[in-house]
Amino acid sequence: MPHLEGEHELDGLRFWSGESTVRVLDADRALGAMLLEQCEPGTGLWTLPKPEQDLVLAAVFKRLWRMPKDPHPFRHLSAMAAVWRKRTLAESERWSDAGLVHEGLRLLAELPATASREVLLATDLHAGNVLRAQREQWLAIDPRPFVGDPAYDATQHLLNDGERLRVDPDGTIRRFAEAADLDPERVRLWTFARAAAQPREDWGNDPLTVIARAIAP
């Protein structure tokens, strides 16, 4: 279904052309339909122990992270961050910790502009979107491509495992960042920015706010 983050899923899958992702067999852009390679047996990466998930995801990321040649259709990560900032600011009366949210909003504006390297990101790659297959052992599905800082791409996997972040935030972030050849501090800042200021239904003592407090700068 059409949505902000997934607008260029088809373009991303065609760019990666089956390298660590499912292949596009056919598509109708006007209809928003894609016929994709089937993963067999299709078991999710989430069935593996967490340390093994980290290593598989890090390896997949490193194969995906490259920059498409101009001209290309992909938007910059700053575009998504700007939409999130606008939506969050519109909910300011519901914030439970204004200081935390404002710091997250500041980073959402700052981080996209300060990356030392930019690549095509999947942005929603986590253990539920990597499936066991036959052509390759693991294939990624459901990318939401934007161009930007590769450190951002670590955040969804980390945020999906709030327990590890709450128990050992520094170690969890550092181990995954190092496995993916990323700067742990930038991964921490991106993860904090999302946890503190990404739009959400509940601005009370929700899981994201708890994580933001655990990893606050």
C-alpha atoms as a PDB file:
ATOM      1  CA  MET A   1       0.000   0.000   0.000  1.00  0.00           C
ATOM      2  CA  PRO A   2       1.313   3.516  -0.797  1.00  0.00           C
ATOM      3  CA  HIS A   3       2.930   5.265   2.172  1.00  0.00           C
ATOM      4  CA  LEU A   4       5.674   7.828   2.792  1.00  0.00           C
ATOM      5  CA  GLU A   5       8.475   5.438   3.671  1.00  0.00           C
ATOM      6  CA  GLY A   6       7.708   2.793   1.048  1.00  0.00           C
ATOM      7  CA  GLU A   7       7.336   4.987  -2.023  1.00  0.00           C
ATOM      8  CA  HIS A   8      10.523   3.703  -3.668  1.00  0.00           C
ATOM      9  CA  GLU A   9      10.474   0.055  -2.574  1.00  0.00           C
ATOM     10  CA  LEU A  10      10.321  -1.139  -6.181  1.00  0.00           C
ATOM     11  CA  ASP A  11      13.202   1.129  -7.221  1.00  0.00           C
ATOM     12  CA  GLY A  12      15.282  -0.069  -4.287  1.00  0.00           C
ATOM     13  CA  LEU A  13      14.733  -3.746  -5.015  1.00  0.00           C
ATOM     14  CA  ARG A  14      15.637  -3.180  -8.658  1.00  0.00           C
ATOM     15  CA  PHE A  15      18.767  -1.266  -7.656  1.00  0.00           C
ATOM     16  CA  TRP A  16      19.949  -4.048  -5.323  1.00  0.00           C
ATOM     17  CA  SER A  17      18.978  -6.587  -8.014  1.00  0.00           C
ATOM     18  CA  GLY A  18      18.813  -9.612  -5.739  1.00  0.00           C
ATOM     19  CA  GLU A  19      22.048  -8.977  -3.850  1.00  0.00           C
ATOM     20  CA  SER A  20      20.890  -9.822  -0.318  1.00  0.00           C
ATOM     21  CA  THR A  21      17.293  -8.923  -1.267  1.00  0.00           C
ATOM     22  CA  VAL A  22      14.445 -10.732  -2.968  1.00  0.00           C
ATOM     23  CA  ARG A  23      14.310 -10.200  -6.721  1.00  0.00           C
ATOM     24  CA  VAL A  24      11.486  -8.421  -8.537  1.00  0.00           C
ATOM     25  CA  LEU A  25      10.035 -10.751 -11.176  1.00  0.00           C
ATOM     26  CA  ASP A  26       7.404  -8.322 -12.473  1.00  0.00           C
ATOM     27  CA  ALA A  27       5.752  -5.105 -11.364  1.00  0.00           C
ATOM     28  CA  ASP A  28       2.972  -2.663 -12.175  1.00  0.00           C
ATOM     29  CA  ARG A  29       4.005   0.709 -10.764  1.00  0.00           C
ATOM     30  CA  ALA A  30       0.652   2.367 -11.422  1.00  0.00           C
ATOM     31  CA  LEU A  31      -1.153  -0.405  -9.565  1.00  0.00           C
ATOM     32  CA  GLY A  32       1.456  -0.563  -6.817  1.00  0.00           C
ATOM     33  CA  ALA A  33       1.884  -4.304  -7.391  1.00  0.00           C
ATOM     34  CA  MET A  34       5.043  -6.428  -7.359  1.00  0.00           C
ATOM     35  CA  LEU A  35       5.613 -10.098  -8.112  1.00  0.00           C
ATOM     36  CA  LEU A  36       8.567 -11.103  -5.949  1.00  0.00           C
ATOM     37  CA  GLU A  37      10.895 -14.058  -5.683  1.00  0.00           C
ATOM     38  CA  GLN A  38       9.634 -16.485  -3.043  1.00  0.00           C
ATOM     39  CA  CYS A  39      11.851 -17.307  -0.089  1.00  0.00           C
ATOM     40  CA  GLU A  40      11.910 -20.997   0.785  1.00  0.00           C
ATOM     41  CA  PRO A  41      11.521 -22.035   3.552  1.00  0.00           C
ATOM     42  CA  GLY A  42      10.913 -18.382   4.456  1.00  0.00           C
ATOM     43  CA  THR A  43      11.796 -18.719   8.133  1.00  0.00           C
ATOM     44  CA  GLY A  44      12.360 -15.352   9.778  1.00  0.00           C
ATOM     45  CA  LEU A  45      15.754 -14.360  11.138  1.00  0.00           C
ATOM     46  CA  TRP A  46      14.028 -13.599  14.443  1.00  0.00           C
ATOM     47  CA  THR A  47      14.032 -17.369  15.171  1.00  0.00           C
ATOM     48  CA  LEU A  48      17.814 -17.257  15.748  1.00  0.00           C
ATOM     49  CA  PRO A  49      19.428 -16.183  19.038  1.00  0.00           C
ATOM     50  CA  LYS A  50      19.930 -12.420  19.281  1.00  0.00           C
ATOM     51  CA  PRO A  51      23.750 -12.445  18.865  1.00  0.00           C
ATOM     52  CA  GLU A  52      23.357 -14.473  15.644  1.00  0.00           C
ATOM     53  CA  GLN A  53      20.697 -12.063  14.379  1.00  0.00           C
ATOM     54  CA  ASP A  54      23.158  -9.219  14.894  1.00  0.00           C
ATOM     55  CA  LEU A  55      25.836 -10.890  12.780  1.00  0.00           C
ATOM     56  CA  VAL A  56      23.482 -11.817   9.924  1.00  0.00           C
ATOM     57  CA  LEU A  57      21.922  -8.357   9.777  1.00  0.00           C
ATOM     58  CA  ALA A  58      25.318  -6.669   9.897  1.00  0.00           C
ATOM     59  CA  ALA A  59      26.488  -8.789   6.949  1.00  0.00           C
ATOM     60  CA  VAL A  60      23.332  -8.010   4.952  1.00  0.00           C
ATOM     61  CA  PHE A  61      23.681  -4.289   5.637  1.00  0.00           C
ATOM     62  CA  LYS A  62      27.276  -4.186   4.464  1.00  0.00           C
ATOM     63  CA  ARG A  63      26.276  -5.698   1.120  1.00  0.00           C
ATOM     64  CA  LEU A  64      23.361  -3.302   0.645  1.00  0.00           C
ATOM     65  CA  TRP A  65      25.168  -0.091   1.528  1.00  0.00           C
ATOM     66  CA  ARG A  66      26.278   1.503  -1.716  1.00  0.00           C
ATOM     67  CA  MET A  67      25.338   4.713  -3.461  1.00  0.00           C
ATOM     68  CA  PRO A  68      23.249   4.743  -6.655  1.00  0.00           C
ATOM     69  CA  LYS A  69      24.543   6.832  -9.523  1.00  0.00           C
ATOM     70  CA  ASP A  70      22.803  10.073 -10.428  1.00  0.00           C
ATOM     71  CA  PRO A  71      20.153  10.561 -11.567  1.00  0.00           C
ATOM     72  CA  HIS A  72      18.176   8.354  -9.203  1.00  0.00           C
ATOM     73  CA  PRO A  73      14.678   8.618  -7.666  1.00  0.00           C
ATOM     74  CA  PHE A  74      15.584   8.175  -4.010  1.00  0.00           C
ATOM     75  CA  ARG A  75      14.865  10.849  -1.406  1.00  0.00           C
ATOM     76  CA  HIS A  76      17.314  11.956   1.242  1.00  0.00           C
ATOM     77  CA  LEU A  77      16.844  10.724   4.794  1.00  0.00           C
ATOM     78  CA  SER A  78      16.368  14.341   5.865  1.00  0.00           C
ATOM     79  CA  ALA A  79      12.988  14.326   4.072  1.00  0.00           C
ATOM     80  CA  MET A  80      11.637  11.565   6.309  1.00  0.00           C
ATOM     81  CA  ALA A  81      13.164  13.166   9.399  1.00  0.00           C
ATOM     82  CA  ALA A  82      11.482  16.480   8.526  1.00  0.00           C
ATOM     83  CA  VAL A  83       8.064  14.816   8.277  1.00  0.00           C
ATOM     84  CA  TRP A  84       8.600  13.112  11.632  1.00  0.00           C
ATOM     85  CA  ARG A  85       9.626  16.401  13.247  1.00  0.00           C
ATOM     86  CA  LYS A  86       6.511  18.139  11.913  1.00  0.00           C
ATOM     87  CA  ARG A  87       4.211  15.380  13.181  1.00  0.00           C
ATOM     88  CA  THR A  88       5.855  15.281  16.598  1.00  0.00           C
ATOM     89  CA  LEU A  89       5.749  19.056  17.030  1.00  0.00           C
ATOM     90  CA  ALA A  90       2.034  18.962  16.259  1.00  0.00           C
ATOM     91  CA  GLU A  91       1.601  16.633  19.281  1.00  0.00           C
ATOM     92  CA  SER A  92       3.515  18.827  21.739  1.00  0.00           C
ATOM     93  CA  GLU A  93       0.613  19.067  24.201  1.00  0.00           C
ATOM     94  CA  ARG A  94       0.793  15.290  24.714  1.00  0.00           C
ATOM     95  CA  TRP A  95       4.527  15.040  25.435  1.00  0.00           C
ATOM     96  CA  SER A  96       5.377  13.669  28.871  1.00  0.00           C
ATOM     97  CA  ASP A  97       9.039  14.770  28.797  1.00  0.00           C
ATOM     98  CA  ALA A  98       9.506  17.925  26.734  1.00  0.00           C
ATOM     99  CA  GLY A  99      13.262  18.105  27.344  1.00  0.00           C
ATOM    100  CA  LEU A 100      13.765  14.588  26.013  1.00  0.00           C
ATOM    101  CA  VAL A 101      11.629  15.225  22.922  1.00  0.00           C
ATOM    102  CA  HIS A 102      13.313  18.539  22.098  1.00  0.00           C
ATOM    103  CA  GLU A 103      16.742  16.893  22.230  1.00  0.00           C
ATOM    104  CA  GLY A 104      15.488  14.155  19.924  1.00  0.00           C
ATOM    105  CA  LEU A 105      14.036  16.732  17.528  1.00  0.00           C
ATOM    106  CA  ARG A 106      17.334  18.603  17.486  1.00  0.00           C
ATOM    107  CA  LEU A 107      19.190  15.449  16.523  1.00  0.00           C
ATOM    108  CA  LEU A 108      16.627  14.525  13.853  1.00  0.00           C
ATOM    109  CA  ALA A 109      17.429  17.865  12.215  1.00  0.00           C
ATOM    110  CA  GLU A 110      21.196  17.678  12.765  1.00  0.00           C
ATOM    111  CA  LEU A 111      22.193  14.066  12.103  1.00  0.00           C
ATOM    112  CA  PRO A 112      21.095  13.769   8.438  1.00  0.00           C
ATOM    113  CA  ALA A 113      23.341  16.715   7.549  1.00  0.00           C
ATOM    114  CA  THR A 114      26.488  15.540   9.345  1.00  0.00           C
ATOM    115  CA  ALA A 115      27.098  12.064   7.945  1.00  0.00           C
ATOM    116  CA  SER A 116      30.621  11.404   6.682  1.00  0.00           C
ATOM    117  CA  ARG A 117      29.267   8.811   4.242  1.00  0.00           C
ATOM    118  CA  GLU A 118      25.943   8.343   2.447  1.00  0.00           C
ATOM    119  CA  VAL A 119      24.473   5.191   0.900  1.00  0.00           C
ATOM    120  CA  LEU A 120      21.104   3.789  -0.108  1.00  0.00           C
ATOM    121  CA  LEU A 121      19.428   2.685   3.117  1.00  0.00           C
ATOM    122  CA  ALA A 122      16.788   0.004   3.679  1.00  0.00           C
ATOM    123  CA  THR A 123      15.553   1.965   6.771  1.00  0.00           C
ATOM    124  CA  ASP A 124      13.217  -0.812   8.011  1.00  0.00           C
ATOM    125  CA  LEU A 125      15.535  -3.800   8.028  1.00  0.00           C
ATOM    126  CA  HIS A 126      15.179  -5.966  11.134  1.00  0.00           C
ATOM    127  CA  ALA A 127      14.992  -9.655  12.013  1.00  0.00           C
ATOM    128  CA  GLY A 128      11.380  -9.892  10.832  1.00  0.00           C
ATOM    129  CA  ASN A 129      12.301  -8.632   7.360  1.00  0.00           C
ATOM    130  CA  VAL A 130      15.110 -11.095   6.669  1.00  0.00           C
ATOM    131  CA  LEU A 131      14.006 -14.559   5.544  1.00  0.00           C
ATOM    132  CA  ARG A 132      15.844 -17.830   5.049  1.00  0.00           C
ATOM    133  CA  ALA A 133      16.060 -18.727   1.351  1.00  0.00           C
ATOM    134  CA  GLN A 134      17.828 -21.018  -1.093  1.00  0.00           C
ATOM    135  CA  ARG A 135      19.501 -18.719  -3.633  1.00  0.00           C
ATOM    136  CA  GLU A 136      21.215 -17.065  -0.677  1.00  0.00           C
ATOM    137  CA  GLN A 137      20.981 -18.182   2.924  1.00  0.00           C
ATOM    138  CA  TRP A 138      19.163 -14.973   3.943  1.00  0.00           C
ATOM    139  CA  LEU A 139      17.269 -12.427   1.843  1.00  0.00           C
ATOM    140  CA  ALA A 140      15.879  -9.053   2.882  1.00  0.00           C
ATOM    141  CA  ILE A 141      12.316  -7.993   2.107  1.00  0.00           C
ATOM    142  CA  ASP A 142      10.246  -4.815   2.464  1.00  0.00           C
ATOM    143  CA  PRO A 143      12.909  -2.097   2.100  1.00  0.00           C
ATOM    144  CA  ARG A 144      11.946   1.560   2.503  1.00  0.00           C
ATOM    145  CA  PRO A 145      14.785   3.207   0.609  1.00  0.00           C
ATOM    146  CA  PHE A 146      16.244   6.613   1.397  1.00  0.00           C
ATOM    147  CA  VAL A 147      19.745   7.983   0.843  1.00  0.00           C
ATOM    148  CA  GLY A 148      21.635   8.869   3.990  1.00  0.00           C
ATOM    149  CA  ASP A 149      23.805   7.929   6.932  1.00  0.00           C
ATOM    150  CA  PRO A 150      24.336   4.152   7.238  1.00  0.00           C
ATOM    151  CA  ALA A 151      24.310   4.524  11.033  1.00  0.00           C
ATOM    152  CA  TYR A 152      20.573   5.195  10.776  1.00  0.00           C
ATOM    153  CA  ASP A 153      19.951   1.717   9.341  1.00  0.00           C
ATOM    154  CA  ALA A 154      21.000   0.070  12.612  1.00  0.00           C
ATOM    155  CA  THR A 155      18.175   1.686  14.555  1.00  0.00           C
ATOM    156  CA  GLN A 156      15.157  -0.448  13.655  1.00  0.00           C
ATOM    157  CA  HIS A 157      16.832  -3.702  14.664  1.00  0.00           C
ATOM    158  CA  LEU A 158      17.985  -2.151  17.935  1.00  0.00           C
ATOM    159  CA  LEU A 159      14.615  -0.585  18.743  1.00  0.00           C
ATOM    160  CA  ASN A 160      12.871  -3.896  18.075  1.00  0.00           C
ATOM    161  CA  ASP A 161      14.789  -5.349  21.015  1.00  0.00           C
ATOM    162  CA  GLY A 162      13.988  -2.877  23.759  1.00  0.00           C
ATOM    163  CA  GLU A 163      14.908  -5.306  26.525  1.00  0.00           C
ATOM    164  CA  ARG A 164      18.547  -5.508  25.466  1.00  0.00           C
ATOM    165  CA  LEU A 165      18.705  -1.722  25.132  1.00  0.00           C
ATOM    166  CA  ARG A 166      17.298  -1.209  28.607  1.00  0.00           C
ATOM    167  CA  VAL A 167      19.527  -3.819  30.282  1.00  0.00           C
ATOM    168  CA  ASP A 168      22.797  -3.063  28.477  1.00  0.00           C
ATOM    169  CA  PRO A 169      22.346  -0.027  26.188  1.00  0.00           C
ATOM    170  CA  ASP A 170      26.016   0.783  25.630  1.00  0.00           C
ATOM    171  CA  GLY A 171      27.113  -2.808  25.039  1.00  0.00           C
ATOM    172  CA  THR A 172      24.166  -3.640  22.775  1.00  0.00           C
ATOM    173  CA  ILE A 173      24.736  -0.621  20.567  1.00  0.00           C
ATOM    174  CA  ARG A 174      28.509  -0.992  20.493  1.00  0.00           C
ATOM    175  CA  ARG A 175      28.480  -4.683  19.565  1.00  0.00           C
ATOM    176  CA  PHE A 176      26.033  -4.246  16.684  1.00  0.00           C
ATOM    177  CA  ALA A 177      27.707  -1.068  15.430  1.00  0.00           C
ATOM    178  CA  GLU A 178      31.115  -2.730  15.385  1.00  0.00           C
ATOM    179  CA  ALA A 179      29.732  -5.809  13.586  1.00  0.00           C
ATOM    180  CA  ALA A 180      28.354  -3.490  10.880  1.00  0.00           C
ATOM    181  CA  ASP A 181      31.502  -1.312  10.735  1.00  0.00           C
ATOM    182  CA  LEU A 182      29.623   1.718  12.059  1.00  0.00           C
ATOM    183  CA  ASP A 183      30.499   4.462  14.521  1.00  0.00           C
ATOM    184  CA  PRO A 184      28.826   3.374  17.797  1.00  0.00           C
ATOM    185  CA  GLU A 185      28.261   6.971  18.896  1.00  0.00           C
ATOM    186  CA  ARG A 186      26.352   7.883  15.725  1.00  0.00           C
ATOM    187  CA  VAL A 187      24.269   4.722  16.064  1.00  0.00           C
ATOM    188  CA  ARG A 188      23.478   5.682  19.657  1.00  0.00           C
ATOM    189  CA  LEU A 189      22.501   9.224  18.684  1.00  0.00           C
ATOM    190  CA  TRP A 190      20.240   8.049  15.868  1.00  0.00           C
ATOM    191  CA  THR A 191      18.626   5.440  18.112  1.00  0.00           C
ATOM    192  CA  PHE A 192      18.063   8.034  20.816  1.00  0.00           C
ATOM    193  CA  ALA A 193      16.621  10.550  18.333  1.00  0.00           C
ATOM    194  CA  ARG A 194      14.064   8.041  17.100  1.00  0.00           C
ATOM    195  CA  ALA A 195      13.179   6.791  20.576  1.00  0.00           C
ATOM    196  CA  ALA A 196      12.797  10.327  21.926  1.00  0.00           C
ATOM    197  CA  ALA A 197      11.090  12.145  19.056  1.00  0.00           C
ATOM    198  CA  GLN A 198       9.660   9.784  16.438  1.00  0.00           C
ATOM    199  CA  PRO A 199       5.854  10.184  16.090  1.00  0.00           C
ATOM    200  CA  ARG A 200       3.806   7.678  18.103  1.00  0.00           C
ATOM    201  CA  GLU A 201       0.325   6.982  19.400  1.00  0.00           C
ATOM    202  CA  ASP A 202       1.192   7.188  23.103  1.00  0.00           C
ATOM    203  CA  TRP A 203       3.419   9.973  24.441  1.00  0.00           C
ATOM    204  CA  GLY A 204       3.248   8.734  28.018  1.00  0.00           C
ATOM    205  CA  ASN A 205       5.660   6.285  29.608  1.00  0.00           C
ATOM    206  CA  ASP A 206       5.753   4.215  26.413  1.00  0.00           C
ATOM    207  CA  PRO A 207       8.561   1.750  25.541  1.00  0.00           C
ATOM    208  CA  LEU A 208      10.308   4.208  23.208  1.00  0.00           C
ATOM    209  CA  THR A 209      10.481   6.874  25.908  1.00  0.00           C
ATOM    210  CA  VAL A 210      11.937   4.331  28.343  1.00  0.00           C
ATOM    211  CA  ILE A 211      14.619   3.431  25.791  1.00  0.00           C
ATOM    212  CA  ALA A 212      15.363   7.108  25.105  1.00  0.00           C
ATOM    213  CA  ARG A 213      16.015   7.716  28.795  1.00  0.00           C
ATOM    214  CA  ALA A 214      18.317   4.685  28.958  1.00  0.00           C
ATOM    215  CA  ILE A 215      20.530   5.914  26.091  1.00  0.00           C
ATOM    216  CA  ALA A 216      20.166   9.703  26.446  1.00  0.00           C
ATOM    217  CA  PRO A 217      23.289  11.703  25.515  1.00  0.00           C
END
